[in-house]
Amino acid sequence: MFGSTTSEGRENRPWHAQAGDLLGDNYNVPGLILCALGIVALACTLTAAGYGFDDWTQTGAIITAALWILGIGALVVEHRREEVIELKYGRLGHAPGHRRPVRYSMEPGDTAPEALT
């Protein structure tokens, strides 16, 4: 069952990212920076198009697309890397910086993990 804290319920559940995983890991920084630079490049491209600089508009469009593709690609690669690590340790999400399993449950008797307190 999805909300189960028993061992048989955990084995059948697929891995999924938890809220904050993207920002909780420093390996995501290059992807985030590339995506932010893609937004800046888009603004420059639109400005060049507004002023009628066709050559700069084409160059900016290519640079914008390249930055977004590289940024999103870096985030996807990092997401897959994190997924492999999580599955290796048998977890369904993590508190950044900790290798032990973390249970997210409101069942009676469950205590909050030390990683989150």
C-alpha atoms as a PDB file:
ATOM      1  CA  MET A   1       0.000   0.000   0.000  1.00  0.00           C
ATOM      2  CA  PHE A   2       1.277   3.470  -0.850  1.00  0.00           C
ATOM      3  CA  GLY A   3       1.172   4.992   2.653  1.00  0.00           C
ATOM      4  CA  SER A   4       2.442   1.853   4.352  1.00  0.00           C
ATOM      5  CA  THR A   5       5.500   1.859   6.577  1.00  0.00           C
ATOM      6  CA  THR A   6       5.917  -1.916   6.514  1.00  0.00           C
ATOM      7  CA  SER A   7       8.727  -3.560   4.599  1.00  0.00           C
ATOM      8  CA  GLU A   8       6.438  -5.296   2.065  1.00  0.00           C
ATOM      9  CA  GLY A   9       4.815  -1.971   1.165  1.00  0.00           C
ATOM     10  CA  ARG A  10       8.182  -0.294   0.599  1.00  0.00           C
ATOM     11  CA  GLU A  11       9.541  -2.868  -1.813  1.00  0.00           C
ATOM     12  CA  ASN A  12       6.810  -2.268  -4.375  1.00  0.00           C
ATOM     13  CA  ARG A  13       6.843   1.519  -4.380  1.00  0.00           C
ATOM     14  CA  PRO A  14       8.863   3.257  -7.101  1.00  0.00           C
ATOM     15  CA  TRP A  15      11.465   5.873  -6.288  1.00  0.00           C
ATOM     16  CA  HIS A  16      10.274   9.467  -6.454  1.00  0.00           C
ATOM     17  CA  ALA A  17      11.834  12.821  -5.727  1.00  0.00           C
ATOM     18  CA  GLN A  18      10.850  14.614  -2.552  1.00  0.00           C
ATOM     19  CA  ALA A  19      10.098  18.303  -2.248  1.00  0.00           C
ATOM     20  CA  GLY A  20      13.305  20.299  -2.032  1.00  0.00           C
ATOM     21  CA  ASP A  21      15.568  17.626  -3.564  1.00  0.00           C
ATOM     22  CA  LEU A  22      16.434  19.924  -6.467  1.00  0.00           C
ATOM     23  CA  LEU A  23      17.735  22.693  -4.212  1.00  0.00           C
ATOM     24  CA  GLY A  24      19.128  20.464  -1.479  1.00  0.00           C
ATOM     25  CA  ASP A  25      22.030  19.162  -3.561  1.00  0.00           C
ATOM     26  CA  ASN A  26      24.977  21.251  -4.802  1.00  0.00           C
ATOM     27  CA  TYR A  27      25.355  19.116  -7.927  1.00  0.00           C
ATOM     28  CA  ASN A  28      22.264  20.813  -9.373  1.00  0.00           C
ATOM     29  CA  VAL A  29      23.901  24.245  -9.399  1.00  0.00           C
ATOM     30  CA  PRO A  30      25.373  24.030 -12.945  1.00  0.00           C
ATOM     31  CA  GLY A  31      21.985  23.113 -14.392  1.00  0.00           C
ATOM     32  CA  LEU A  32      20.251  25.908 -12.503  1.00  0.00           C
ATOM     33  CA  ILE A  33      22.864  28.449 -13.625  1.00  0.00           C
ATOM     34  CA  LEU A  34      22.596  27.343 -17.266  1.00  0.00           C
ATOM     35  CA  CYS A  35      18.796  27.672 -17.157  1.00  0.00           C
ATOM     36  CA  ALA A  36      19.097  31.149 -15.601  1.00  0.00           C
ATOM     37  CA  LEU A  37      21.585  32.176 -18.283  1.00  0.00           C
ATOM     38  CA  GLY A  38      19.098  30.875 -20.849  1.00  0.00           C
ATOM     39  CA  ILE A  39      16.490  33.287 -19.480  1.00  0.00           C
ATOM     40  CA  VAL A  40      18.975  36.164 -19.694  1.00  0.00           C
ATOM     41  CA  ALA A  41      19.853  35.123 -23.260  1.00  0.00           C
ATOM     42  CA  LEU A  42      16.145  35.075 -24.127  1.00  0.00           C
ATOM     43  CA  ALA A  43      15.774  38.636 -22.844  1.00  0.00           C
ATOM     44  CA  CYS A  44      18.770  39.740 -24.915  1.00  0.00           C
ATOM     45  CA  THR A  45      17.380  37.955 -27.974  1.00  0.00           C
ATOM     46  CA  LEU A  46      14.007  39.641 -27.633  1.00  0.00           C
ATOM     47  CA  THR A  47      15.685  43.011 -27.192  1.00  0.00           C
ATOM     48  CA  ALA A  48      17.768  42.451 -30.339  1.00  0.00           C
ATOM     49  CA  ALA A  49      14.645  41.413 -32.248  1.00  0.00           C
ATOM     50  CA  GLY A  50      12.799  44.502 -31.051  1.00  0.00           C
ATOM     51  CA  TYR A  51      15.547  46.787 -32.343  1.00  0.00           C
ATOM     52  CA  GLY A  52      15.707  44.965 -35.677  1.00  0.00           C
ATOM     53  CA  PHE A  53      19.159  43.333 -35.364  1.00  0.00           C
ATOM     54  CA  ASP A  54      18.448  40.153 -37.336  1.00  0.00           C
ATOM     55  CA  ASP A  55      21.949  38.680 -37.055  1.00  0.00           C
ATOM     56  CA  TRP A  56      22.026  39.128 -33.291  1.00  0.00           C
ATOM     57  CA  THR A  57      18.502  37.735 -33.040  1.00  0.00           C
ATOM     58  CA  GLN A  58      19.513  34.515 -34.793  1.00  0.00           C
ATOM     59  CA  THR A  59      22.670  34.186 -32.729  1.00  0.00           C
ATOM     60  CA  GLY A  60      20.759  34.849 -29.515  1.00  0.00           C
ATOM     61  CA  ALA A  61      18.092  32.277 -30.404  1.00  0.00           C
ATOM     62  CA  ILE A  62      20.761  29.616 -30.943  1.00  0.00           C
ATOM     63  CA  ILE A  63      22.536  30.506 -27.692  1.00  0.00           C
ATOM     64  CA  THR A  64      19.237  30.545 -25.776  1.00  0.00           C
ATOM     65  CA  ALA A  65      18.268  27.116 -27.087  1.00  0.00           C
ATOM     66  CA  ALA A  66      21.725  25.702 -26.332  1.00  0.00           C
ATOM     67  CA  LEU A  67      21.719  27.037 -22.761  1.00  0.00           C
ATOM     68  CA  TRP A  68      18.265  25.638 -22.033  1.00  0.00           C
ATOM     69  CA  ILE A  69      19.076  22.249 -23.556  1.00  0.00           C
ATOM     70  CA  LEU A  70      22.322  22.015 -21.581  1.00  0.00           C
ATOM     71  CA  GLY A  71      20.689  23.253 -18.355  1.00  0.00           C
ATOM     72  CA  ILE A  72      17.727  20.906 -18.496  1.00  0.00           C
ATOM     73  CA  GLY A  73      20.029  18.080 -19.582  1.00  0.00           C
ATOM     74  CA  ALA A  74      22.270  18.701 -16.568  1.00  0.00           C
ATOM     75  CA  LEU A  75      19.241  18.643 -14.250  1.00  0.00           C
ATOM     76  CA  VAL A  76      17.953  15.397 -15.789  1.00  0.00           C
ATOM     77  CA  VAL A  77      21.377  13.744 -15.485  1.00  0.00           C
ATOM     78  CA  GLU A  78      21.598  14.821 -11.841  1.00  0.00           C
ATOM     79  CA  HIS A  79      18.066  13.574 -11.175  1.00  0.00           C
ATOM     80  CA  ARG A  80      18.984  10.160 -12.625  1.00  0.00           C
ATOM     81  CA  ARG A  81      22.222  10.080 -10.604  1.00  0.00           C
ATOM     82  CA  GLU A  82      20.280  10.805  -7.420  1.00  0.00           C
ATOM     83  CA  GLU A  83      17.718   8.152  -8.325  1.00  0.00           C
ATOM     84  CA  VAL A  84      20.460   5.505  -8.658  1.00  0.00           C
ATOM     85  CA  ILE A  85      21.926   6.494  -5.278  1.00  0.00           C
ATOM     86  CA  GLU A  86      18.514   6.403  -3.611  1.00  0.00           C
ATOM     87  CA  LEU A  87      17.685   2.988  -5.048  1.00  0.00           C
ATOM     88  CA  LYS A  88      21.104   1.652  -4.052  1.00  0.00           C
ATOM     89  CA  TYR A  89      20.433   2.501  -0.402  1.00  0.00           C
ATOM     90  CA  GLY A  90      16.789   1.421  -0.577  1.00  0.00           C
ATOM     91  CA  ARG A  91      15.252   4.807   0.121  1.00  0.00           C
ATOM     92  CA  LEU A  92      12.227   6.523  -1.334  1.00  0.00           C
ATOM     93  CA  GLY A  93      13.483  10.066  -0.795  1.00  0.00           C
ATOM     94  CA  HIS A  94      16.169  11.611   1.335  1.00  0.00           C
ATOM     95  CA  ALA A  95      17.181  14.315   3.656  1.00  0.00           C
ATOM     96  CA  PRO A  96      20.189  15.883   1.890  1.00  0.00           C
ATOM     97  CA  GLY A  97      23.511  14.776   3.283  1.00  0.00           C
ATOM     98  CA  HIS A  98      22.233  11.626   4.998  1.00  0.00           C
ATOM     99  CA  ARG A  99      22.590   8.046   3.793  1.00  0.00           C
ATOM    100  CA  ARG A 100      20.123   6.357   6.096  1.00  0.00           C
ATOM    101  CA  PRO A 101      16.486   5.661   5.181  1.00  0.00           C
ATOM    102  CA  VAL A 102      13.973   8.337   5.981  1.00  0.00           C
ATOM    103  CA  ARG A 103      10.356   7.401   6.624  1.00  0.00           C
ATOM    104  CA  TYR A 104       7.704   9.960   5.801  1.00  0.00           C
ATOM    105  CA  SER A 105       4.651   8.813   7.696  1.00  0.00           C
ATOM    106  CA  MET A 106       1.995  10.042  10.071  1.00  0.00           C
ATOM    107  CA  GLU A 107       1.418   6.579  11.529  1.00  0.00           C
ATOM    108  CA  PRO A 108       1.246   6.380  15.334  1.00  0.00           C
ATOM    109  CA  GLY A 109       4.551   5.372  16.871  1.00  0.00           C
ATOM    110  CA  ASP A 110       6.673   6.743  14.027  1.00  0.00           C
ATOM    111  CA  THR A 111       9.213   9.229  15.195  1.00  0.00           C
ATOM    112  CA  ALA A 112      10.594  12.076  13.149  1.00  0.00           C
ATOM    113  CA  PRO A 113      13.958  11.156  11.606  1.00  0.00           C
ATOM    114  CA  GLU A 114      16.997  12.847  13.111  1.00  0.00           C
ATOM    115  CA  ALA A 115      17.878  14.248   9.679  1.00  0.00           C
ATOM    116  CA  LEU A 116      14.801  16.446   9.659  1.00  0.00           C
ATOM    117  CA  THR A 117      14.784  17.621  13.265  1.00  0.00           C
END
